[in-house]
């Protein structure tokens, strides 16, 4: 059983914000696998089914981003899963819009949702699929940016990135994380790093 969690904030006002691309990617995974995310359990909306031939639990925590760890810990307990069997899909302001980066583990993050999960699980030994939402110009407050409404152009990029994230997750399930990293991780060009 694999636990696949998309991070975001509940509520219509957050739906099209950069902080919610993890939710968007989970919704696309659910569509691909024909899984309904309607079961309220473990402080999340959960759906069970098969993806790429594996039994999966898809989840969207409803705790708000900074408290995601509580929901993820409860999910792992409920489904008797290990952190290493868990994937977390998150927004990443340090990556250009549309870029995906897969990591097997890692403590170095400014992302409060990841910090919450690492604290709740007591380990960083879980896969994360980071989805780039870097602002095109400098913002004064990172929190204000990730909670701002996306432009139409950014929504289009977010939808494509969510579709690419589905492919990345399926590659992780079928070919392993190393293969997925070599296929989906790429270096930003100078133009992407300095728009």
C-alpha atoms as a PDB file:
ATOM      1  CA  UNK A   1       0.000   0.000   0.000  1.00  0.00           C
ATOM      2  CA  UNK A   2       1.401   3.390  -1.009  1.00  0.00           C
ATOM      3  CA  UNK A   3       0.223   6.621   0.609  1.00  0.00           C
ATOM      4  CA  UNK A   4       0.215   9.576  -1.809  1.00  0.00           C
ATOM      5  CA  UNK A   5      -0.550  12.938  -0.229  1.00  0.00           C
ATOM      6  CA  UNK A   6      -1.032  16.288  -1.933  1.00  0.00           C
ATOM      7  CA  UNK A   7      -0.593  19.333   0.283  1.00  0.00           C
ATOM      8  CA  UNK A   8      -2.749  22.425   0.152  1.00  0.00           C
ATOM      9  CA  UNK A   9      -5.296  24.446   2.078  1.00  0.00           C
ATOM     10  CA  UNK A  10      -8.997  23.580   2.183  1.00  0.00           C
ATOM     11  CA  UNK A  11     -11.572  26.062   0.924  1.00  0.00           C
ATOM     12  CA  UNK A  12     -12.553  27.575  -2.426  1.00  0.00           C
ATOM     13  CA  UNK A  13     -10.587  30.769  -1.724  1.00  0.00           C
ATOM     14  CA  UNK A  14      -7.318  28.790  -1.840  1.00  0.00           C
ATOM     15  CA  UNK A  15      -8.104  26.544  -4.811  1.00  0.00           C
ATOM     16  CA  UNK A  16      -6.128  28.500  -7.433  1.00  0.00           C
ATOM     17  CA  UNK A  17      -3.218  29.630  -5.280  1.00  0.00           C
ATOM     18  CA  UNK A  18       0.387  28.438  -5.729  1.00  0.00           C
ATOM     19  CA  UNK A  19       0.239  26.734  -2.318  1.00  0.00           C
ATOM     20  CA  UNK A  20      -2.457  24.362  -3.618  1.00  0.00           C
ATOM     21  CA  UNK A  21      -0.721  22.759  -6.597  1.00  0.00           C
ATOM     22  CA  UNK A  22      -0.274  19.616  -4.470  1.00  0.00           C
ATOM     23  CA  UNK A  23      -4.072  19.334  -4.222  1.00  0.00           C
ATOM     24  CA  UNK A  24      -4.335  19.924  -7.974  1.00  0.00           C
ATOM     25  CA  UNK A  25      -1.877  17.094  -8.688  1.00  0.00           C
ATOM     26  CA  UNK A  26      -3.750  14.693  -6.373  1.00  0.00           C
ATOM     27  CA  UNK A  27      -7.005  15.551  -8.156  1.00  0.00           C
ATOM     28  CA  UNK A  28      -5.369  14.650 -11.497  1.00  0.00           C
ATOM     29  CA  UNK A  29      -4.040  11.384 -10.035  1.00  0.00           C
ATOM     30  CA  UNK A  30      -7.550  10.558  -8.814  1.00  0.00           C
ATOM     31  CA  UNK A  31      -8.961  11.244 -12.298  1.00  0.00           C
ATOM     32  CA  UNK A  32      -6.316   9.053 -13.958  1.00  0.00           C
ATOM     33  CA  UNK A  33      -6.981   6.153 -11.577  1.00  0.00           C
ATOM     34  CA  UNK A  34     -10.762   6.715 -11.382  1.00  0.00           C
ATOM     35  CA  UNK A  35     -10.542   7.159  -7.601  1.00  0.00           C
ATOM     36  CA  UNK A  36     -13.037   9.318  -5.715  1.00  0.00           C
ATOM     37  CA  UNK A  37     -11.535  11.516  -2.979  1.00  0.00           C
ATOM     38  CA  UNK A  38     -14.644  11.640  -0.811  1.00  0.00           C
ATOM     39  CA  UNK A  39     -13.908   9.621   2.345  1.00  0.00           C
ATOM     40  CA  UNK A  40     -13.443  11.939   5.327  1.00  0.00           C
ATOM     41  CA  UNK A  41     -10.864  10.211   7.507  1.00  0.00           C
ATOM     42  CA  UNK A  42      -7.516  10.935   9.141  1.00  0.00           C
ATOM     43  CA  UNK A  43      -8.200  14.688   8.912  1.00  0.00           C
ATOM     44  CA  UNK A  44      -8.221  14.320   5.109  1.00  0.00           C
ATOM     45  CA  UNK A  45     -10.325  13.549   2.081  1.00  0.00           C
ATOM     46  CA  UNK A  46      -9.183  10.083   1.053  1.00  0.00           C
ATOM     47  CA  UNK A  47      -9.674   7.775  -1.910  1.00  0.00           C
ATOM     48  CA  UNK A  48      -8.572   4.142  -2.265  1.00  0.00           C
ATOM     49  CA  UNK A  49      -7.805   2.299  -5.468  1.00  0.00           C
ATOM     50  CA  UNK A  50      -5.128   1.134  -7.868  1.00  0.00           C
ATOM     51  CA  UNK A  51      -2.623   3.262  -9.725  1.00  0.00           C
ATOM     52  CA  UNK A  52      -0.022   1.762 -12.055  1.00  0.00           C
ATOM     53  CA  UNK A  53      -0.941  -1.678 -10.705  1.00  0.00           C
ATOM     54  CA  UNK A  54      -0.338  -0.749  -7.039  1.00  0.00           C
ATOM     55  CA  UNK A  55      -2.827  -0.310  -4.206  1.00  0.00           C
ATOM     56  CA  UNK A  56      -2.787   3.365  -3.236  1.00  0.00           C
ATOM     57  CA  UNK A  57      -4.332   5.749  -0.765  1.00  0.00           C
ATOM     58  CA  UNK A  58      -4.708   9.250  -2.215  1.00  0.00           C
ATOM     59  CA  UNK A  59      -5.200  12.008   0.354  1.00  0.00           C
ATOM     60  CA  UNK A  60      -5.783  15.736   0.623  1.00  0.00           C
ATOM     61  CA  UNK A  61      -5.256  16.807   4.274  1.00  0.00           C
ATOM     62  CA  UNK A  62      -7.836  19.296   5.523  1.00  0.00           C
ATOM     63  CA  UNK A  63      -5.706  20.566   8.405  1.00  0.00           C
ATOM     64  CA  UNK A  64      -4.280  23.575   6.542  1.00  0.00           C
ATOM     65  CA  UNK A  65      -0.757  23.413   5.196  1.00  0.00           C
ATOM     66  CA  UNK A  66       1.253  24.125   8.341  1.00  0.00           C
ATOM     67  CA  UNK A  67      -0.427  21.274  10.266  1.00  0.00           C
ATOM     68  CA  UNK A  68      -0.206  18.625   7.518  1.00  0.00           C
ATOM     69  CA  UNK A  69       2.012  16.366   9.620  1.00  0.00           C
ATOM     70  CA  UNK A  70      -0.830  15.411  11.939  1.00  0.00           C
ATOM     71  CA  UNK A  71      -2.941  14.151   9.024  1.00  0.00           C
ATOM     72  CA  UNK A  72      -0.053  12.286   7.382  1.00  0.00           C
ATOM     73  CA  UNK A  73       0.925  10.568  10.651  1.00  0.00           C
ATOM     74  CA  UNK A  74      -2.708   9.487  11.186  1.00  0.00           C
ATOM     75  CA  UNK A  75      -2.925   8.146   7.615  1.00  0.00           C
ATOM     76  CA  UNK A  76       0.220   6.058   8.059  1.00  0.00           C
ATOM     77  CA  UNK A  77      -1.089   4.652  11.342  1.00  0.00           C
ATOM     78  CA  UNK A  78      -4.512   3.865   9.871  1.00  0.00           C
ATOM     79  CA  UNK A  79      -3.113   2.061   6.827  1.00  0.00           C
ATOM     80  CA  UNK A  80      -0.126   0.530   8.635  1.00  0.00           C
ATOM     81  CA  UNK A  81       2.284   2.160   6.202  1.00  0.00           C
ATOM     82  CA  UNK A  82       5.891   3.246   6.633  1.00  0.00           C
ATOM     83  CA  UNK A  83       7.172   6.744   5.819  1.00  0.00           C
ATOM     84  CA  UNK A  84       9.279   5.237   2.995  1.00  0.00           C
ATOM     85  CA  UNK A  85       5.999   4.059   1.375  1.00  0.00           C
ATOM     86  CA  UNK A  86       4.743   7.639   1.316  1.00  0.00           C
ATOM     87  CA  UNK A  87       4.873  10.286  -1.408  1.00  0.00           C
ATOM     88  CA  UNK A  88       4.148  13.955  -0.735  1.00  0.00           C
ATOM     89  CA  UNK A  89       3.312  16.362  -3.585  1.00  0.00           C
ATOM     90  CA  UNK A  90       4.068  19.982  -2.675  1.00  0.00           C
ATOM     91  CA  UNK A  91       4.539  23.451  -4.121  1.00  0.00           C
ATOM     92  CA  UNK A  92       8.109  24.758  -4.228  1.00  0.00           C
ATOM     93  CA  UNK A  93       8.818  28.490  -4.549  1.00  0.00           C
ATOM     94  CA  UNK A  94      12.511  27.828  -5.183  1.00  0.00           C
ATOM     95  CA  UNK A  95      11.756  26.081  -8.498  1.00  0.00           C
ATOM     96  CA  UNK A  96      10.564  27.858 -11.678  1.00  0.00           C
ATOM     97  CA  UNK A  97       6.900  27.497 -12.641  1.00  0.00           C
ATOM     98  CA  UNK A  98       6.217  24.110 -14.200  1.00  0.00           C
ATOM     99  CA  UNK A  99       9.454  22.435 -13.092  1.00  0.00           C
ATOM    100  CA  UNK A 100       9.213  19.153 -11.177  1.00  0.00           C
ATOM    101  CA  UNK A 101      11.903  17.876  -8.832  1.00  0.00           C
ATOM    102  CA  UNK A 102      11.726  14.486  -7.108  1.00  0.00           C
ATOM    103  CA  UNK A 103      13.643  13.799  -3.898  1.00  0.00           C
ATOM    104  CA  UNK A 104      13.880  10.604  -1.867  1.00  0.00           C
ATOM    105  CA  UNK A 105      14.488  12.409   1.418  1.00  0.00           C
ATOM    106  CA  UNK A 106      15.881  15.633   2.824  1.00  0.00           C
ATOM    107  CA  UNK A 107      15.528  17.859   5.858  1.00  0.00           C
ATOM    108  CA  UNK A 108      16.552  21.135   4.252  1.00  0.00           C
ATOM    109  CA  UNK A 109      13.312  22.868   3.404  1.00  0.00           C
ATOM    110  CA  UNK A 110      11.660  26.173   4.107  1.00  0.00           C
ATOM    111  CA  UNK A 111       8.273  24.592   3.350  1.00  0.00           C
ATOM    112  CA  UNK A 112       6.138  24.582   6.496  1.00  0.00           C
ATOM    113  CA  UNK A 113       4.033  21.652   5.318  1.00  0.00           C
ATOM    114  CA  UNK A 114       7.153  19.517   4.900  1.00  0.00           C
ATOM    115  CA  UNK A 115       8.524  20.689   8.246  1.00  0.00           C
ATOM    116  CA  UNK A 116       5.244  19.639   9.871  1.00  0.00           C
ATOM    117  CA  UNK A 117       5.382  16.167   8.277  1.00  0.00           C
ATOM    118  CA  UNK A 118       9.038  15.609   9.218  1.00  0.00           C
ATOM    119  CA  UNK A 119       8.287  16.674  12.792  1.00  0.00           C
ATOM    120  CA  UNK A 120       5.175  14.457  13.054  1.00  0.00           C
ATOM    121  CA  UNK A 121       6.837  11.369  11.546  1.00  0.00           C
ATOM    122  CA  UNK A 122      10.209  11.876  13.182  1.00  0.00           C
ATOM    123  CA  UNK A 123      11.943  11.204   9.860  1.00  0.00           C
ATOM    124  CA  UNK A 124      12.558  12.721   6.444  1.00  0.00           C
ATOM    125  CA  UNK A 125      12.557   9.263   4.787  1.00  0.00           C
ATOM    126  CA  UNK A 126       9.639   9.834   2.409  1.00  0.00           C
ATOM    127  CA  UNK A 127       9.510  10.736  -1.274  1.00  0.00           C
ATOM    128  CA  UNK A 128       8.548  14.264  -2.210  1.00  0.00           C
ATOM    129  CA  UNK A 129       7.480  15.504  -5.640  1.00  0.00           C
ATOM    130  CA  UNK A 130       8.190  19.233  -5.629  1.00  0.00           C
ATOM    131  CA  UNK A 131       6.167  21.380  -8.040  1.00  0.00           C
ATOM    132  CA  UNK A 132       7.731  24.701  -9.077  1.00  0.00           C
ATOM    133  CA  UNK A 133       5.766  27.898  -8.399  1.00  0.00           C
ATOM    134  CA  UNK A 134       8.559  30.477  -8.219  1.00  0.00           C
ATOM    135  CA  UNK A 135       7.304  34.072  -8.597  1.00  0.00           C
ATOM    136  CA  UNK A 136       8.320  35.827 -11.798  1.00  0.00           C
ATOM    137  CA  UNK A 137       9.316  38.903  -9.810  1.00  0.00           C
ATOM    138  CA  UNK A 138      10.499  39.419  -6.261  1.00  0.00           C
ATOM    139  CA  UNK A 139       7.724  39.430  -3.667  1.00  0.00           C
ATOM    140  CA  UNK A 140       8.069  41.026  -0.250  1.00  0.00           C
ATOM    141  CA  UNK A 141       6.373  38.220   1.652  1.00  0.00           C
ATOM    142  CA  UNK A 142       6.544  34.594   0.545  1.00  0.00           C
ATOM    143  CA  UNK A 143       3.351  33.749   2.477  1.00  0.00           C
ATOM    144  CA  UNK A 144       1.385  36.450   0.651  1.00  0.00           C
ATOM    145  CA  UNK A 145       2.660  35.127  -2.676  1.00  0.00           C
ATOM    146  CA  UNK A 146       1.804  31.450  -2.140  1.00  0.00           C
ATOM    147  CA  UNK A 147      -1.701  32.436  -0.982  1.00  0.00           C
ATOM    148  CA  UNK A 148      -2.328  34.854  -3.879  1.00  0.00           C
ATOM    149  CA  UNK A 149      -4.570  33.972  -6.814  1.00  0.00           C
ATOM    150  CA  UNK A 150      -2.805  32.546  -9.873  1.00  0.00           C
ATOM    151  CA  UNK A 151      -2.945  34.383 -13.182  1.00  0.00           C
ATOM    152  CA  UNK A 152      -4.635  32.655 -16.132  1.00  0.00           C
ATOM    153  CA  UNK A 153      -1.210  31.853 -17.603  1.00  0.00           C
ATOM    154  CA  UNK A 154      -0.023  30.356 -14.298  1.00  0.00           C
ATOM    155  CA  UNK A 155      -3.203  28.263 -14.058  1.00  0.00           C
ATOM    156  CA  UNK A 156      -2.448  26.769 -17.473  1.00  0.00           C
ATOM    157  CA  UNK A 157       1.111  25.955 -16.373  1.00  0.00           C
ATOM    158  CA  UNK A 158      -0.191  24.505 -13.076  1.00  0.00           C
ATOM    159  CA  UNK A 159      -2.579  22.192 -14.930  1.00  0.00           C
ATOM    160  CA  UNK A 160       0.209  20.927 -17.193  1.00  0.00           C
ATOM    161  CA  UNK A 161       2.540  20.513 -14.210  1.00  0.00           C
ATOM    162  CA  UNK A 162      -0.157  18.495 -12.396  1.00  0.00           C
ATOM    163  CA  UNK A 163      -0.441  16.211 -15.443  1.00  0.00           C
ATOM    164  CA  UNK A 164       3.360  15.837 -15.488  1.00  0.00           C
ATOM    165  CA  UNK A 165       3.293  15.052 -11.753  1.00  0.00           C
ATOM    166  CA  UNK A 166       0.876  12.180 -12.467  1.00  0.00           C
ATOM    167  CA  UNK A 167       3.386  10.776 -14.950  1.00  0.00           C
ATOM    168  CA  UNK A 168       6.177  11.214 -12.383  1.00  0.00           C
ATOM    169  CA  UNK A 169       4.219   9.378  -9.671  1.00  0.00           C
ATOM    170  CA  UNK A 170       3.393   6.538 -12.061  1.00  0.00           C
ATOM    171  CA  UNK A 171       7.080   6.278 -12.995  1.00  0.00           C
ATOM    172  CA  UNK A 172       8.019   6.095  -9.301  1.00  0.00           C
ATOM    173  CA  UNK A 173       5.490   3.281  -8.813  1.00  0.00           C
ATOM    174  CA  UNK A 174       6.480   1.280 -11.884  1.00  0.00           C
ATOM    175  CA  UNK A 175      10.201   1.951 -12.326  1.00  0.00           C
ATOM    176  CA  UNK A 176      11.391   3.281  -8.972  1.00  0.00           C
ATOM    177  CA  UNK A 177      12.383   6.656  -7.620  1.00  0.00           C
ATOM    178  CA  UNK A 178      15.888   6.689  -9.155  1.00  0.00           C
ATOM    179  CA  UNK A 179      14.495   6.223 -12.660  1.00  0.00           C
ATOM    180  CA  UNK A 180      11.845   8.882 -12.033  1.00  0.00           C
ATOM    181  CA  UNK A 181      14.488  11.316 -10.783  1.00  0.00           C
ATOM    182  CA  UNK A 182      16.635  10.830 -13.881  1.00  0.00           C
ATOM    183  CA  UNK A 183      13.594  11.258 -16.115  1.00  0.00           C
ATOM    184  CA  UNK A 184      11.902  14.270 -14.468  1.00  0.00           C
ATOM    185  CA  UNK A 185      14.589  16.197 -12.563  1.00  0.00           C
ATOM    186  CA  UNK A 186      16.385  18.777 -14.667  1.00  0.00           C
ATOM    187  CA  UNK A 187      18.467  21.857 -14.008  1.00  0.00           C
ATOM    188  CA  UNK A 188      16.888  25.265 -14.426  1.00  0.00           C
ATOM    189  CA  UNK A 189      18.208  27.288 -17.341  1.00  0.00           C
ATOM    190  CA  UNK A 190      19.760  30.701 -16.623  1.00  0.00           C
ATOM    191  CA  UNK A 191      16.614  32.322 -17.976  1.00  0.00           C
ATOM    192  CA  UNK A 192      14.403  30.318 -15.606  1.00  0.00           C
ATOM    193  CA  UNK A 193      16.608  31.091 -12.617  1.00  0.00           C
ATOM    194  CA  UNK A 194      16.810  34.830 -13.469  1.00  0.00           C
ATOM    195  CA  UNK A 195      13.588  35.807 -15.272  1.00  0.00           C
END
